């Protein structure tokens, strides 16, 4: 059994790679899914899309729908592959994350309210 909940938040979320801020917002959507760490979906306008490189990848989740876009991130000489994604037409359980961008916390530095979070250990990292 898997459950998905998407809730708006006022927590400050900042995403960094190699000390470069990729995204920062104080109005993320938090997505809770059974068996996975909380994912932070950030409004597209709060993401440095100039650092994102689109990749040809599509995946589907029976609970959230089909991922519309995937990106690698390049900062200086560092490229982090398959690290960001977006749903443009998710299933109803994940509808609040529509057009928001999430980063794989296993591969980036995630700060919540200014505090660096420990990277989760999953099969994605």
PDB file of N, CA and C in Angstrom:
ATOM      1  N   UNK A   1       0.835  -1.172   0.000  1.00  0.00           N
ATOM      2  CA  UNK A   1       0.000   0.000   0.000  1.00  0.00           C
ATOM      3  C   UNK A   1       0.880   1.235   0.000  1.00  0.00           C
ATOM      4  N   UNK A   2       0.593   2.174  -0.880  1.00  0.00           N
ATOM      5  CA  UNK A   2       1.335   3.423  -0.976  1.00  0.00           C
ATOM      6  C   UNK A   2       0.357   4.578  -0.907  1.00  0.00           C
ATOM      7  N   UNK A   3       0.760   5.594  -0.178  1.00  0.00           N
ATOM      8  CA  UNK A   3      -0.049   6.794  -0.084  1.00  0.00           C
ATOM      9  C   UNK A   3       0.802   7.986  -0.513  1.00  0.00           C
ATOM     10  N   UNK A   4       0.179   8.947  -1.202  1.00  0.00           N
ATOM     11  CA  UNK A   4       0.848  10.174  -1.628  1.00  0.00           C
ATOM     12  C   UNK A   4       0.037  11.349  -1.103  1.00  0.00           C
ATOM     13  N   UNK A   5       0.713  12.274  -0.426  1.00  0.00           N
ATOM     14  CA  UNK A   5       0.088  13.518   0.028  1.00  0.00           C
ATOM     15  C   UNK A   5       0.973  14.676  -0.407  1.00  0.00           C
ATOM     16  N   UNK A   6       0.379  15.737  -0.898  1.00  0.00           N
ATOM     17  CA  UNK A   6       1.094  16.935  -1.320  1.00  0.00           C
ATOM     18  C   UNK A   6       0.537  18.121  -0.551  1.00  0.00           C
ATOM     19  N   UNK A   7       1.424  18.796   0.194  1.00  0.00           N
ATOM     20  CA  UNK A   7       0.974  19.876   1.045  1.00  0.00           C
ATOM     21  C   UNK A   7       1.814  21.138   0.848  1.00  0.00           C
ATOM     22  N   UNK A   8       1.168  22.281   0.662  1.00  0.00           N
ATOM     23  CA  UNK A   8       1.913  23.541   0.598  1.00  0.00           C
ATOM     24  C   UNK A   8       2.583  23.820   1.944  1.00  0.00           C
ATOM     25  N   UNK A   9       3.725  24.500   1.900  1.00  0.00           N
ATOM     26  CA  UNK A   9       4.471  24.798   3.111  1.00  0.00           C
ATOM     27  C   UNK A   9       5.015  26.222   3.055  1.00  0.00           C
ATOM     28  N   UNK A  10       5.366  26.760   4.214  1.00  0.00           N
ATOM     29  CA  UNK A  10       6.020  28.069   4.271  1.00  0.00           C
ATOM     30  C   UNK A  10       7.473  27.932   4.713  1.00  0.00           C
ATOM     31  N   UNK A  11       7.965  26.710   4.783  1.00  0.00           N
ATOM     32  CA  UNK A  11       9.369  26.494   5.153  1.00  0.00           C
ATOM     33  C   UNK A  11      10.271  26.973   4.029  1.00  0.00           C
ATOM     34  N   UNK A  12      11.439  27.460   4.394  1.00  0.00           N
ATOM     35  CA  UNK A  12      12.407  27.884   3.392  1.00  0.00           C
ATOM     36  C   UNK A  12      13.230  26.678   2.960  1.00  0.00           C
ATOM     37  N   UNK A  13      13.258  26.435   1.653  1.00  0.00           N
ATOM     38  CA  UNK A  13      14.026  25.331   1.092  1.00  0.00           C
ATOM     39  C   UNK A  13      15.045  25.921   0.116  1.00  0.00           C
ATOM     40  N   UNK A  14      16.314  25.533   0.301  1.00  0.00           N
ATOM     41  CA  UNK A  14      17.379  25.964  -0.600  1.00  0.00           C
ATOM     42  C   UNK A  14      18.128  24.730  -1.088  1.00  0.00           C
ATOM     43  N   UNK A  15      18.392  24.676  -2.380  1.00  0.00           N
ATOM     44  CA  UNK A  15      19.094  23.566  -2.996  1.00  0.00           C
ATOM     45  C   UNK A  15      20.416  24.090  -3.544  1.00  0.00           C
ATOM     46  N   UNK A  16      21.517  23.385  -3.234  1.00  0.00           N
ATOM     47  CA  UNK A  16      22.832  23.798  -3.710  1.00  0.00           C
ATOM     48  C   UNK A  16      23.604  22.615  -4.281  1.00  0.00           C
ATOM     49  N   UNK A  17      24.507  22.932  -5.219  1.00  0.00           N
ATOM     50  CA  UNK A  17      25.516  21.993  -5.705  1.00  0.00           C
ATOM     51  C   UNK A  17      26.829  22.755  -5.706  1.00  0.00           C
ATOM     52  N   UNK A  18      27.843  22.186  -5.074  1.00  0.00           N
ATOM     53  CA  UNK A  18      29.167  22.822  -5.018  1.00  0.00           C
ATOM     54  C   UNK A  18      29.083  24.258  -4.514  1.00  0.00           C
ATOM     55  N   UNK A  19      28.180  24.531  -3.565  1.00  0.00           N
ATOM     56  CA  UNK A  19      28.051  25.855  -2.989  1.00  0.00           C
ATOM     57  C   UNK A  19      27.274  26.856  -3.837  1.00  0.00           C
ATOM     58  N   UNK A  20      26.815  26.443  -5.012  1.00  0.00           N
ATOM     59  CA  UNK A  20      26.016  27.308  -5.886  1.00  0.00           C
ATOM     60  C   UNK A  20      24.541  27.045  -5.633  1.00  0.00           C
ATOM     61  N   UNK A  21      23.791  28.105  -5.382  1.00  0.00           N
ATOM     62  CA  UNK A  21      22.352  27.963  -5.134  1.00  0.00           C
ATOM     63  C   UNK A  21      21.641  27.684  -6.459  1.00  0.00           C
ATOM     64  N   UNK A  22      20.950  26.550  -6.504  1.00  0.00           N
ATOM     65  CA  UNK A  22      20.156  26.178  -7.678  1.00  0.00           C
ATOM     66  C   UNK A  22      18.725  26.667  -7.555  1.00  0.00           C
ATOM     67  N   UNK A  23      18.242  26.697  -6.319  1.00  0.00           N
ATOM     68  CA  UNK A  23      16.845  27.071  -6.082  1.00  0.00           C
ATOM     69  C   UNK A  23      16.680  27.484  -4.628  1.00  0.00           C
ATOM     70  N   UNK A  24      15.744  28.405  -4.411  1.00  0.00           N
ATOM     71  CA  UNK A  24      15.403  28.792  -3.047  1.00  0.00           C
ATOM     72  C   UNK A  24      13.991  29.353  -3.050  1.00  0.00           C
ATOM     73  N   UNK A  25      13.194  28.900  -2.086  1.00  0.00           N
ATOM     74  CA  UNK A  25      11.810  29.353  -1.995  1.00  0.00           C
ATOM     75  C   UNK A  25      11.322  29.281  -0.560  1.00  0.00           C
ATOM     76  N   UNK A  26      10.300  30.068  -0.275  1.00  0.00           N
ATOM     77  CA  UNK A  26       9.627  29.951   1.018  1.00  0.00           C
ATOM     78  C   UNK A  26       8.177  29.514   0.817  1.00  0.00           C
ATOM     79  N   UNK A  27       7.902  28.942  -0.356  1.00  0.00           N
ATOM     80  CA  UNK A  27       6.573  28.371  -0.593  1.00  0.00           C
ATOM     81  C   UNK A  27       6.667  27.087  -1.446  1.00  0.00           C
ATOM     82  N   UNK A  28       7.395  26.081  -0.883  1.00  0.00           N
ATOM     83  CA  UNK A  28       7.461  24.799  -1.573  1.00  0.00           C
ATOM     84  C   UNK A  28       6.176  23.998  -1.382  1.00  0.00           C
ATOM     85  N   UNK A  29       6.066  22.938  -2.134  1.00  0.00           N
ATOM     86  CA  UNK A  29       5.047  21.921  -1.891  1.00  0.00           C
ATOM     87  C   UNK A  29       5.807  20.680  -1.442  1.00  0.00           C
ATOM     88  N   UNK A  30       5.422  20.141  -0.300  1.00  0.00           N
ATOM     89  CA  UNK A  30       6.066  18.948   0.224  1.00  0.00           C
ATOM     90  C   UNK A  30       5.257  17.734  -0.203  1.00  0.00           C
ATOM     91  N   UNK A  31       5.945  16.774  -0.808  1.00  0.00           N
ATOM     92  CA  UNK A  31       5.267  15.562  -1.262  1.00  0.00           C
ATOM     93  C   UNK A  31       5.729  14.406  -0.389  1.00  0.00           C
ATOM     94  N   UNK A  32       4.771  13.787   0.264  1.00  0.00           N
ATOM     95  CA  UNK A  32       5.027  12.643   1.139  1.00  0.00           C
ATOM     96  C   UNK A  32       4.534  11.392   0.421  1.00  0.00           C
ATOM     97  N   UNK A  33       5.428  10.410   0.286  1.00  0.00           N
ATOM     98  CA  UNK A  33       5.067   9.155  -0.372  1.00  0.00           C
ATOM     99  C   UNK A  33       5.601   8.002   0.468  1.00  0.00           C
ATOM    100  N   UNK A  34       4.754   7.052   0.741  1.00  0.00           N
ATOM    101  CA  UNK A  34       5.121   5.909   1.566  1.00  0.00           C
ATOM    102  C   UNK A  34       6.432   5.301   1.094  1.00  0.00           C
ATOM    103  N   UNK A  35       7.373   5.138   2.028  1.00  0.00           N
ATOM    104  CA  UNK A  35       8.634   4.473   1.728  1.00  0.00           C
ATOM    105  C   UNK A  35       9.714   5.358   1.134  1.00  0.00           C
ATOM    106  N   UNK A  36       9.420   6.632   0.887  1.00  0.00           N
ATOM    107  CA  UNK A  36      10.410   7.543   0.304  1.00  0.00           C
ATOM    108  C   UNK A  36      10.585   8.765   1.190  1.00  0.00           C
ATOM    109  N   UNK A  37      11.755   9.415   1.078  1.00  0.00           N
ATOM    110  CA  UNK A  37      11.915  10.655   1.838  1.00  0.00           C
ATOM    111  C   UNK A  37      10.988  11.737   1.293  1.00  0.00           C
ATOM    112  N   UNK A  38      10.685  12.714   2.125  1.00  0.00           N
ATOM    113  CA  UNK A  38       9.871  13.848   1.678  1.00  0.00           C
ATOM    114  C   UNK A  38      10.575  14.532   0.519  1.00  0.00           C
ATOM    115  N   UNK A  39       9.831  14.818  -0.535  1.00  0.00           N
ATOM    116  CA  UNK A  39      10.374  15.538  -1.694  1.00  0.00           C
ATOM    117  C   UNK A  39       9.852  16.964  -1.651  1.00  0.00           C
ATOM    118  N   UNK A  40      10.737  17.889  -1.946  1.00  0.00           N
ATOM    119  CA  UNK A  40      10.414  19.316  -1.914  1.00  0.00           C
ATOM    120  C   UNK A  40      10.272  19.795  -3.347  1.00  0.00           C
ATOM    121  N   UNK A  41       9.080  20.202  -3.710  1.00  0.00           N
ATOM    122  CA  UNK A  41       8.807  20.713  -5.058  1.00  0.00           C
ATOM    123  C   UNK A  41       8.790  22.233  -4.980  1.00  0.00           C
ATOM    124  N   UNK A  42       9.627  22.864  -5.805  1.00  0.00           N
ATOM    125  CA  UNK A  42       9.797  24.312  -5.757  1.00  0.00           C
ATOM    126  C   UNK A  42       9.186  24.953  -6.995  1.00  0.00           C
ATOM    127  N   UNK A  43       8.545  26.108  -6.830  1.00  0.00           N
ATOM    128  CA  UNK A  43       7.987  26.798  -7.997  1.00  0.00           C
ATOM    129  C   UNK A  43       9.088  27.048  -9.036  1.00  0.00           C
ATOM    130  N   UNK A  44       8.772  26.844 -10.298  1.00  0.00           N
ATOM    131  CA  UNK A  44       9.757  26.993 -11.372  1.00  0.00           C
ATOM    132  C   UNK A  44      10.444  28.354 -11.345  1.00  0.00           C
ATOM    133  N   UNK A  45       9.699  29.400 -10.980  1.00  0.00           N
ATOM    134  CA  UNK A  45      10.291  30.742 -10.979  1.00  0.00           C
ATOM    135  C   UNK A  45      11.344  30.921  -9.881  1.00  0.00           C
ATOM    136  N   UNK A  46      11.431  29.978  -8.933  1.00  0.00           N
ATOM    137  CA  UNK A  46      12.423  30.045  -7.869  1.00  0.00           C
ATOM    138  C   UNK A  46      13.613  29.118  -8.122  1.00  0.00           C
ATOM    139  N   UNK A  47      13.717  28.597  -9.351  1.00  0.00           N
ATOM    140  CA  UNK A  47      14.777  27.673  -9.727  1.00  0.00           C
ATOM    141  C   UNK A  47      15.646  28.319 -10.803  1.00  0.00           C
ATOM    142  N   UNK A  48      16.952  28.165 -10.673  1.00  0.00           N
ATOM    143  CA  UNK A  48      17.882  28.676 -11.690  1.00  0.00           C
ATOM    144  C   UNK A  48      17.893  27.701 -12.866  1.00  0.00           C
ATOM    145  N   UNK A  49      16.960  27.870 -13.754  1.00  0.00           N
ATOM    146  CA  UNK A  49      16.827  26.953 -14.896  1.00  0.00           C
ATOM    147  C   UNK A  49      17.995  27.077 -15.868  1.00  0.00           C
ATOM    148  N   UNK A  50      18.776  28.170 -15.771  1.00  0.00           N
ATOM    149  CA  UNK A  50      19.947  28.303 -16.635  1.00  0.00           C
ATOM    150  C   UNK A  50      21.013  27.261 -16.313  1.00  0.00           C
ATOM    151  N   UNK A  51      20.930  26.624 -15.147  1.00  0.00           N
ATOM    152  CA  UNK A  51      21.885  25.583 -14.767  1.00  0.00           C
ATOM    153  C   UNK A  51      21.367  24.181 -15.074  1.00  0.00           C
ATOM    154  N   UNK A  52      20.131  24.095 -15.579  1.00  0.00           N
ATOM    155  CA  UNK A  52      19.523  22.806 -15.891  1.00  0.00           C
ATOM    156  C   UNK A  52      19.695  22.480 -17.366  1.00  0.00           C
ATOM    157  N   UNK A  53      20.057  21.232 -17.642  1.00  0.00           N
ATOM    158  CA  UNK A  53      20.177  20.745 -19.019  1.00  0.00           C
ATOM    159  C   UNK A  53      19.138  19.648 -19.215  1.00  0.00           C
ATOM    160  N   UNK A  54      18.192  19.849 -20.153  1.00  0.00           N
ATOM    161  CA  UNK A  54      17.168  18.817 -20.362  1.00  0.00           C
ATOM    162  C   UNK A  54      17.784  17.509 -20.845  1.00  0.00           C
ATOM    163  N   UNK A  55      17.224  16.405 -20.377  1.00  0.00           N
ATOM    164  CA  UNK A  55      17.667  15.090 -20.842  1.00  0.00           C
ATOM    165  C   UNK A  55      16.455  14.315 -21.341  1.00  0.00           C
ATOM    166  N   UNK A  56      16.727  13.360 -22.197  1.00  0.00           N
ATOM    167  CA  UNK A  56      15.667  12.556 -22.804  1.00  0.00           C
ATOM    168  C   UNK A  56      15.370  11.361 -21.901  1.00  0.00           C
ATOM    169  N   UNK A  57      14.517  11.580 -20.934  1.00  0.00           N
ATOM    170  CA  UNK A  57      14.138  10.544 -19.989  1.00  0.00           C
ATOM    171  C   UNK A  57      12.695  10.769 -19.586  1.00  0.00           C
ATOM    172  N   UNK A  58      11.920   9.716 -19.538  1.00  0.00           N
ATOM    173  CA  UNK A  58      10.551   9.771 -19.051  1.00  0.00           C
ATOM    174  C   UNK A  58      10.343   8.579 -18.131  1.00  0.00           C
ATOM    175  N   UNK A  59       9.691   8.825 -17.024  1.00  0.00           N
ATOM    176  CA  UNK A  59       9.329   7.745 -16.116  1.00  0.00           C
ATOM    177  C   UNK A  59       7.876   7.935 -15.725  1.00  0.00           C
ATOM    178  N   UNK A  60       7.318   6.884 -15.165  1.00  0.00           N
ATOM    179  CA  UNK A  60       5.924   6.944 -14.762  1.00  0.00           C
ATOM    180  C   UNK A  60       5.777   6.320 -13.386  1.00  0.00           C
ATOM    181  N   UNK A  61       4.906   6.915 -12.605  1.00  0.00           N
ATOM    182  CA  UNK A  61       4.597   6.416 -11.265  1.00  0.00           C
ATOM    183  C   UNK A  61       3.094   6.174 -11.205  1.00  0.00           C
ATOM    184  N   UNK A  62       2.666   5.016 -10.714  1.00  0.00           N
ATOM    185  CA  UNK A  62       1.230   4.748 -10.655  1.00  0.00           C
ATOM    186  C   UNK A  62       0.487   5.657  -9.687  1.00  0.00           C
ATOM    187  N   UNK A  63       1.211   6.385  -8.833  1.00  0.00           N
ATOM    188  CA  UNK A  63       0.578   7.241  -7.825  1.00  0.00           C
ATOM    189  C   UNK A  63       0.671   8.728  -8.144  1.00  0.00           C
ATOM    190  N   UNK A  64       1.681   9.102  -8.960  1.00  0.00           N
ATOM    191  CA  UNK A  64       1.874  10.522  -9.272  1.00  0.00           C
ATOM    192  C   UNK A  64       1.678  10.828 -10.745  1.00  0.00           C
ATOM    193  N   UNK A  65       1.870   9.866 -11.615  1.00  0.00           N
ATOM    194  CA  UNK A  65       1.715  10.092 -13.045  1.00  0.00           C
ATOM    195  C   UNK A  65       3.051  10.040 -13.775  1.00  0.00           C
ATOM    196  N   UNK A  66       3.091  10.642 -14.970  1.00  0.00           N
ATOM    197  CA  UNK A  66       4.285  10.618 -15.814  1.00  0.00           C
ATOM    198  C   UNK A  66       5.093  11.898 -15.618  1.00  0.00           C
ATOM    199  N   UNK A  67       6.386  11.721 -15.376  1.00  0.00           N
ATOM    200  CA  UNK A  67       7.276  12.873 -15.255  1.00  0.00           C
ATOM    201  C   UNK A  67       7.421  13.495 -16.640  1.00  0.00           C
ATOM    202  N   UNK A  68       7.187  14.787 -16.740  1.00  0.00           N
ATOM    203  CA  UNK A  68       7.218  15.491 -18.014  1.00  0.00           C
ATOM    204  C   UNK A  68       8.626  15.889 -18.434  1.00  0.00           C
ATOM    205  N   UNK A  69       9.453  16.276 -17.468  1.00  0.00           N
ATOM    206  CA  UNK A  69      10.790  16.776 -17.766  1.00  0.00           C
ATOM    207  C   UNK A  69      11.780  16.269 -16.735  1.00  0.00           C
ATOM    208  N   UNK A  70      12.974  15.935 -17.220  1.00  0.00           N
ATOM    209  CA  UNK A  70      14.109  15.604 -16.357  1.00  0.00           C
ATOM    210  C   UNK A  70      15.275  16.476 -16.772  1.00  0.00           C
ATOM    211  N   UNK A  71      16.145  16.788 -15.794  1.00  0.00           N
ATOM    212  CA  UNK A  71      17.316  17.594 -16.081  1.00  0.00           C
ATOM    213  C   UNK A  71      18.545  17.079 -15.350  1.00  0.00           C
ATOM    214  N   UNK A  72      19.707  17.320 -15.975  1.00  0.00           N
ATOM    215  CA  UNK A  72      20.993  17.266 -15.304  1.00  0.00           C
ATOM    216  C   UNK A  72      21.264  18.685 -14.823  1.00  0.00           C
ATOM    217  N   UNK A  73      22.182  18.831 -13.870  1.00  0.00           N
ATOM    218  CA  UNK A  73      22.609  20.143 -13.396  1.00  0.00           C
ATOM    219  C   UNK A  73      24.108  20.245 -13.590  1.00  0.00           C
ATOM    220  N   UNK A  74      24.545  21.370 -14.138  1.00  0.00           N
ATOM    221  CA  UNK A  74      25.970  21.610 -14.297  1.00  0.00           C
ATOM    222  C   UNK A  74      26.343  22.896 -13.582  1.00  0.00           C
ATOM    223  N   UNK A  75      27.321  22.764 -12.687  1.00  0.00           N
ATOM    224  CA  UNK A  75      27.877  23.905 -11.959  1.00  0.00           C
ATOM    225  C   UNK A  75      29.386  23.821 -12.131  1.00  0.00           C
ATOM    226  N   UNK A  76      29.960  24.779 -12.869  1.00  0.00           N
ATOM    227  CA  UNK A  76      31.396  24.730 -13.140  1.00  0.00           C
ATOM    228  C   UNK A  76      31.737  23.451 -13.880  1.00  0.00           C
ATOM    229  N   UNK A  77      32.674  22.681 -13.330  1.00  0.00           N
ATOM    230  CA  UNK A  77      33.097  21.411 -13.943  1.00  0.00           C
ATOM    231  C   UNK A  77      32.312  20.216 -13.416  1.00  0.00           C
ATOM    232  N   UNK A  78      31.331  20.462 -12.566  1.00  0.00           N
ATOM    233  CA  UNK A  78      30.559  19.383 -11.947  1.00  0.00           C
ATOM    234  C   UNK A  78      29.200  19.234 -12.613  1.00  0.00           C
ATOM    235  N   UNK A  79      28.913  18.027 -13.091  1.00  0.00           N
ATOM    236  CA  UNK A  79      27.591  17.712 -13.625  1.00  0.00           C
ATOM    237  C   UNK A  79      26.970  16.633 -12.749  1.00  0.00           C
ATOM    238  N   UNK A  80      25.758  16.904 -12.294  1.00  0.00           N
ATOM    239  CA  UNK A  80      25.003  15.927 -11.511  1.00  0.00           C
ATOM    240  C   UNK A  80      23.882  15.448 -12.428  1.00  0.00           C
ATOM    241  N   UNK A  81      23.896  14.161 -12.726  1.00  0.00           N
ATOM    242  CA  UNK A  81      22.965  13.610 -13.713  1.00  0.00           C
ATOM    243  C   UNK A  81      21.625  13.223 -13.095  1.00  0.00           C
ATOM    244  N   UNK A  82      20.588  13.382 -13.902  1.00  0.00           N
ATOM    245  CA  UNK A  82      19.227  12.974 -13.549  1.00  0.00           C
ATOM    246  C   UNK A  82      18.848  13.439 -12.145  1.00  0.00           C
ATOM    247  N   UNK A  83      18.972  14.729 -11.903  1.00  0.00           N
ATOM    248  CA  UNK A  83      18.828  15.238 -10.540  1.00  0.00           C
ATOM    249  C   UNK A  83      17.569  16.070 -10.315  1.00  0.00           C
ATOM    250  N   UNK A  84      16.927  16.522 -11.370  1.00  0.00           N
ATOM    251  CA  UNK A  84      15.738  17.360 -11.207  1.00  0.00           C
ATOM    252  C   UNK A  84      14.642  16.887 -12.152  1.00  0.00           C
ATOM    253  N   UNK A  85      13.381  17.090 -11.723  1.00  0.00           N
ATOM    254  CA  UNK A  85      12.257  16.664 -12.551  1.00  0.00           C
ATOM    255  C   UNK A  85      11.034  17.513 -12.275  1.00  0.00           C
ATOM    256  N   UNK A  86      10.052  17.374 -13.171  1.00  0.00           N
ATOM    257  CA  UNK A  86       8.801  18.139 -13.042  1.00  0.00           C
ATOM    258  C   UNK A  86       7.651  17.325 -13.634  1.00  0.00           C
ATOM    259  N   UNK A  87       6.506  17.440 -12.976  1.00  0.00           N
ATOM    260  CA  UNK A  87       5.247  16.908 -13.497  1.00  0.00           C
ATOM    261  C   UNK A  87       4.430  18.090 -14.007  1.00  0.00           C
ATOM    262  N   UNK A  88       3.968  18.025 -15.255  1.00  0.00           N
ATOM    263  CA  UNK A  88       3.087  19.082 -15.747  1.00  0.00           C
ATOM    264  C   UNK A  88       1.622  18.667 -15.707  1.00  0.00           C
ATOM    265  N   UNK A  89       1.370  17.364 -15.567  1.00  0.00           N
ATOM    266  CA  UNK A  89       0.000  16.875 -15.514  1.00  0.00           C
ATOM    267  C   UNK A  89      -0.076  15.652 -14.590  1.00  0.00           C
ATOM    268  N   UNK A  90       0.200  15.843 -13.296  1.00  0.00           N
ATOM    269  CA  UNK A  90       0.205  14.696 -12.387  1.00  0.00           C
ATOM    270  C   UNK A  90      -1.202  14.182 -12.089  1.00  0.00           C
ATOM    271  N   UNK A  91      -1.245  13.008 -11.517  1.00  0.00           N
ATOM    272  CA  UNK A  91      -2.509  12.460 -11.035  1.00  0.00           C
ATOM    273  C   UNK A  91      -3.001  13.310  -9.862  1.00  0.00           C
ATOM    274  N   UNK A  92      -4.264  13.151  -9.507  1.00  0.00           N
ATOM    275  CA  UNK A  92      -4.881  14.058  -8.534  1.00  0.00           C
ATOM    276  C   UNK A  92      -4.179  14.093  -7.186  1.00  0.00           C
ATOM    277  N   UNK A  93      -3.587  12.964  -6.735  1.00  0.00           N
ATOM    278  CA  UNK A  93      -2.908  12.951  -5.443  1.00  0.00           C
ATOM    279  C   UNK A  93      -1.715  13.906  -5.402  1.00  0.00           C
ATOM    280  N   UNK A  94      -1.115  14.132  -6.563  1.00  0.00           N
ATOM    281  CA  UNK A  94       0.079  14.973  -6.647  1.00  0.00           C
ATOM    282  C   UNK A  94      -0.194  16.299  -7.354  1.00  0.00           C
ATOM    283  N   UNK A  95      -1.442  16.611  -7.595  1.00  0.00           N
ATOM    284  CA  UNK A  95      -1.796  17.824  -8.343  1.00  0.00           C
ATOM    285  C   UNK A  95      -1.141  19.105  -7.821  1.00  0.00           C
ATOM    286  N   UNK A  96      -0.942  19.287  -6.508  1.00  0.00           N
ATOM    287  CA  UNK A  96      -0.306  20.519  -6.031  1.00  0.00           C
ATOM    288  C   UNK A  96       1.133  20.728  -6.529  1.00  0.00           C
ATOM    289  N   UNK A  97       1.809  19.672  -7.013  1.00  0.00           N
ATOM    290  CA  UNK A  97       3.193  19.833  -7.490  1.00  0.00           C
ATOM    291  C   UNK A  97       3.261  20.202  -8.972  1.00  0.00           C
ATOM    292  N   UNK A  98       2.120  20.395  -9.606  1.00  0.00           N
ATOM    293  CA  UNK A  98       2.088  20.741 -11.030  1.00  0.00           C
ATOM    294  C   UNK A  98       3.015  21.913 -11.315  1.00  0.00           C
ATOM    295  N   UNK A  99       3.903  21.715 -12.311  1.00  0.00           N
ATOM    296  CA  UNK A  99       4.859  22.734 -12.777  1.00  0.00           C
ATOM    297  C   UNK A  99       5.862  23.179 -11.720  1.00  0.00           C
ATOM    298  N   UNK A 100       6.022  22.410 -10.651  1.00  0.00           N
ATOM    299  CA  UNK A 100       7.065  22.659  -9.657  1.00  0.00           C
ATOM    300  C   UNK A 100       8.231  21.719  -9.970  1.00  0.00           C
ATOM    301  N   UNK A 101       9.425  22.108  -9.584  1.00  0.00           N
ATOM    302  CA  UNK A 101      10.624  21.312  -9.857  1.00  0.00           C
ATOM    303  C   UNK A 101      11.144  20.724  -8.546  1.00  0.00           C
ATOM    304  N   UNK A 102      11.452  19.437  -8.589  1.00  0.00           N
ATOM    305  CA  UNK A 102      12.024  18.748  -7.431  1.00  0.00           C
ATOM    306  C   UNK A 102      13.455  18.341  -7.758  1.00  0.00           C
ATOM    307  N   UNK A 103      14.260  18.247  -6.712  1.00  0.00           N
ATOM    308  CA  UNK A 103      15.647  17.802  -6.846  1.00  0.00           C
ATOM    309  C   UNK A 103      15.838  16.543  -6.027  1.00  0.00           C
ATOM    310  N   UNK A 104      16.678  15.654  -6.526  1.00  0.00           N
ATOM    311  CA  UNK A 104      16.967  14.411  -5.830  1.00  0.00           C
ATOM    312  C   UNK A 104      17.899  14.727  -4.660  1.00  0.00           C
ATOM    313  N   UNK A 105      17.336  14.767  -3.459  1.00  0.00           N
ATOM    314  CA  UNK A 105      18.095  15.145  -2.270  1.00  0.00           C
ATOM    315  C   UNK A 105      19.301  14.235  -2.019  1.00  0.00           C
ATOM    316  N   UNK A 106      19.294  13.068  -2.617  1.00  0.00           N
ATOM    317  CA  UNK A 106      20.406  12.141  -2.482  1.00  0.00           C
ATOM    318  C   UNK A 106      21.670  12.660  -3.182  1.00  0.00           C
ATOM    319  N   UNK A 107      21.504  13.633  -4.109  1.00  0.00           N
ATOM    320  CA  UNK A 107      22.623  14.108  -4.935  1.00  0.00           C
ATOM    321  C   UNK A 107      22.923  15.595  -4.800  1.00  0.00           C
ATOM    322  N   UNK A 108      22.164  16.323  -3.988  1.00  0.00           N
ATOM    323  CA  UNK A 108      22.364  17.766  -3.825  1.00  0.00           C
ATOM    324  C   UNK A 108      22.406  18.093  -2.333  1.00  0.00           C
ATOM    325  N   UNK A 109      22.810  19.322  -2.035  1.00  0.00           N
ATOM    326  CA  UNK A 109      22.739  19.805  -0.656  1.00  0.00           C
ATOM    327  C   UNK A 109      21.403  20.512  -0.484  1.00  0.00           C
ATOM    328  N   UNK A 110      20.606  20.027   0.450  1.00  0.00           N
ATOM    329  CA  UNK A 110      19.285  20.585   0.712  1.00  0.00           C
ATOM    330  C   UNK A 110      19.285  21.228   2.092  1.00  0.00           C
ATOM    331  N   UNK A 111      18.873  22.483   2.131  1.00  0.00           N
ATOM    332  CA  UNK A 111      18.778  23.228   3.379  1.00  0.00           C
ATOM    333  C   UNK A 111      17.307  23.510   3.662  1.00  0.00           C
ATOM    334  N   UNK A 112      16.869  23.199   4.858  1.00  0.00           N
ATOM    335  CA  UNK A 112      15.509  23.497   5.297  1.00  0.00           C
ATOM    336  C   UNK A 112      15.626  24.508   6.432  1.00  0.00           C
ATOM    337  N   UNK A 113      15.007  25.656   6.240  1.00  0.00           N
ATOM    338  CA  UNK A 113      15.082  26.734   7.229  1.00  0.00           C
ATOM    339  C   UNK A 113      16.529  26.998   7.640  1.00  0.00           C
ATOM    340  N   UNK A 114      17.435  26.979   6.647  1.00  0.00           N
ATOM    341  CA  UNK A 114      18.841  27.307   6.868  1.00  0.00           C
ATOM    342  C   UNK A 114      19.712  26.171   7.367  1.00  0.00           C
ATOM    343  N   UNK A 115      19.140  25.005   7.654  1.00  0.00           N
ATOM    344  CA  UNK A 115      19.908  23.888   8.199  1.00  0.00           C
ATOM    345  C   UNK A 115      20.127  22.812   7.123  1.00  0.00           C
ATOM    346  N   UNK A 116      21.402  22.482   6.899  1.00  0.00           N
ATOM    347  CA  UNK A 116      21.747  21.441   5.935  1.00  0.00           C
ATOM    348  C   UNK A 116      21.171  20.107   6.389  1.00  0.00           C
ATOM    349  N   UNK A 117      20.476  19.443   5.478  1.00  0.00           N
ATOM    350  CA  UNK A 117      19.854  18.154   5.768  1.00  0.00           C
ATOM    351  C   UNK A 117      20.803  17.018   5.412  1.00  0.00           C
ATOM    352  N   UNK A 118      20.700  15.940   6.140  1.00  0.00           N
ATOM    353  CA  UNK A 118      21.465  14.751   5.799  1.00  0.00           C
ATOM    354  C   UNK A 118      20.900  14.175   4.510  1.00  0.00           C
ATOM    355  N   UNK A 119      21.781  13.723   3.632  1.00  0.00           N
ATOM    356  CA  UNK A 119      21.302  13.137   2.369  1.00  0.00           C
ATOM    357  C   UNK A 119      20.666  11.778   2.648  1.00  0.00           C
ATOM    358  N   UNK A 120      19.458  11.570   2.127  1.00  0.00           N
ATOM    359  CA  UNK A 120      18.809  10.263   2.342  1.00  0.00           C
ATOM    360  C   UNK A 120      19.536   9.163   1.589  1.00  0.00           C
ATOM    361  N   UNK A 121      19.444   7.969   2.102  1.00  0.00           N
ATOM    362  CA  UNK A 121      20.031   6.789   1.460  1.00  0.00           C
ATOM    363  C   UNK A 121      18.902   5.990   0.828  1.00  0.00           C
ATOM    364  N   UNK A 122      18.808   6.058  -0.498  1.00  0.00           N
ATOM    365  CA  UNK A 122      17.787   5.305  -1.225  1.00  0.00           C
ATOM    366  C   UNK A 122      18.449   4.669  -2.440  1.00  0.00           C
ATOM    367  N   UNK A 123      17.698   3.910  -3.191  1.00  0.00           N
ATOM    368  CA  UNK A 123      18.240   3.300  -4.411  1.00  0.00           C
ATOM    369  C   UNK A 123      18.415   4.336  -5.532  1.00  0.00           C
ATOM    370  N   UNK A 124      17.946   5.572  -5.320  1.00  0.00           N
ATOM    371  CA  UNK A 124      18.088   6.619  -6.322  1.00  0.00           C
ATOM    372  C   UNK A 124      19.457   7.299  -6.264  1.00  0.00           C
ATOM    373  N   UNK A 125      20.113   7.254  -5.124  1.00  0.00           N
ATOM    374  CA  UNK A 125      21.348   8.000  -4.922  1.00  0.00           C
ATOM    375  C   UNK A 125      22.546   7.225  -5.316  1.00  0.00           C
TER     376      UNK A 125
END
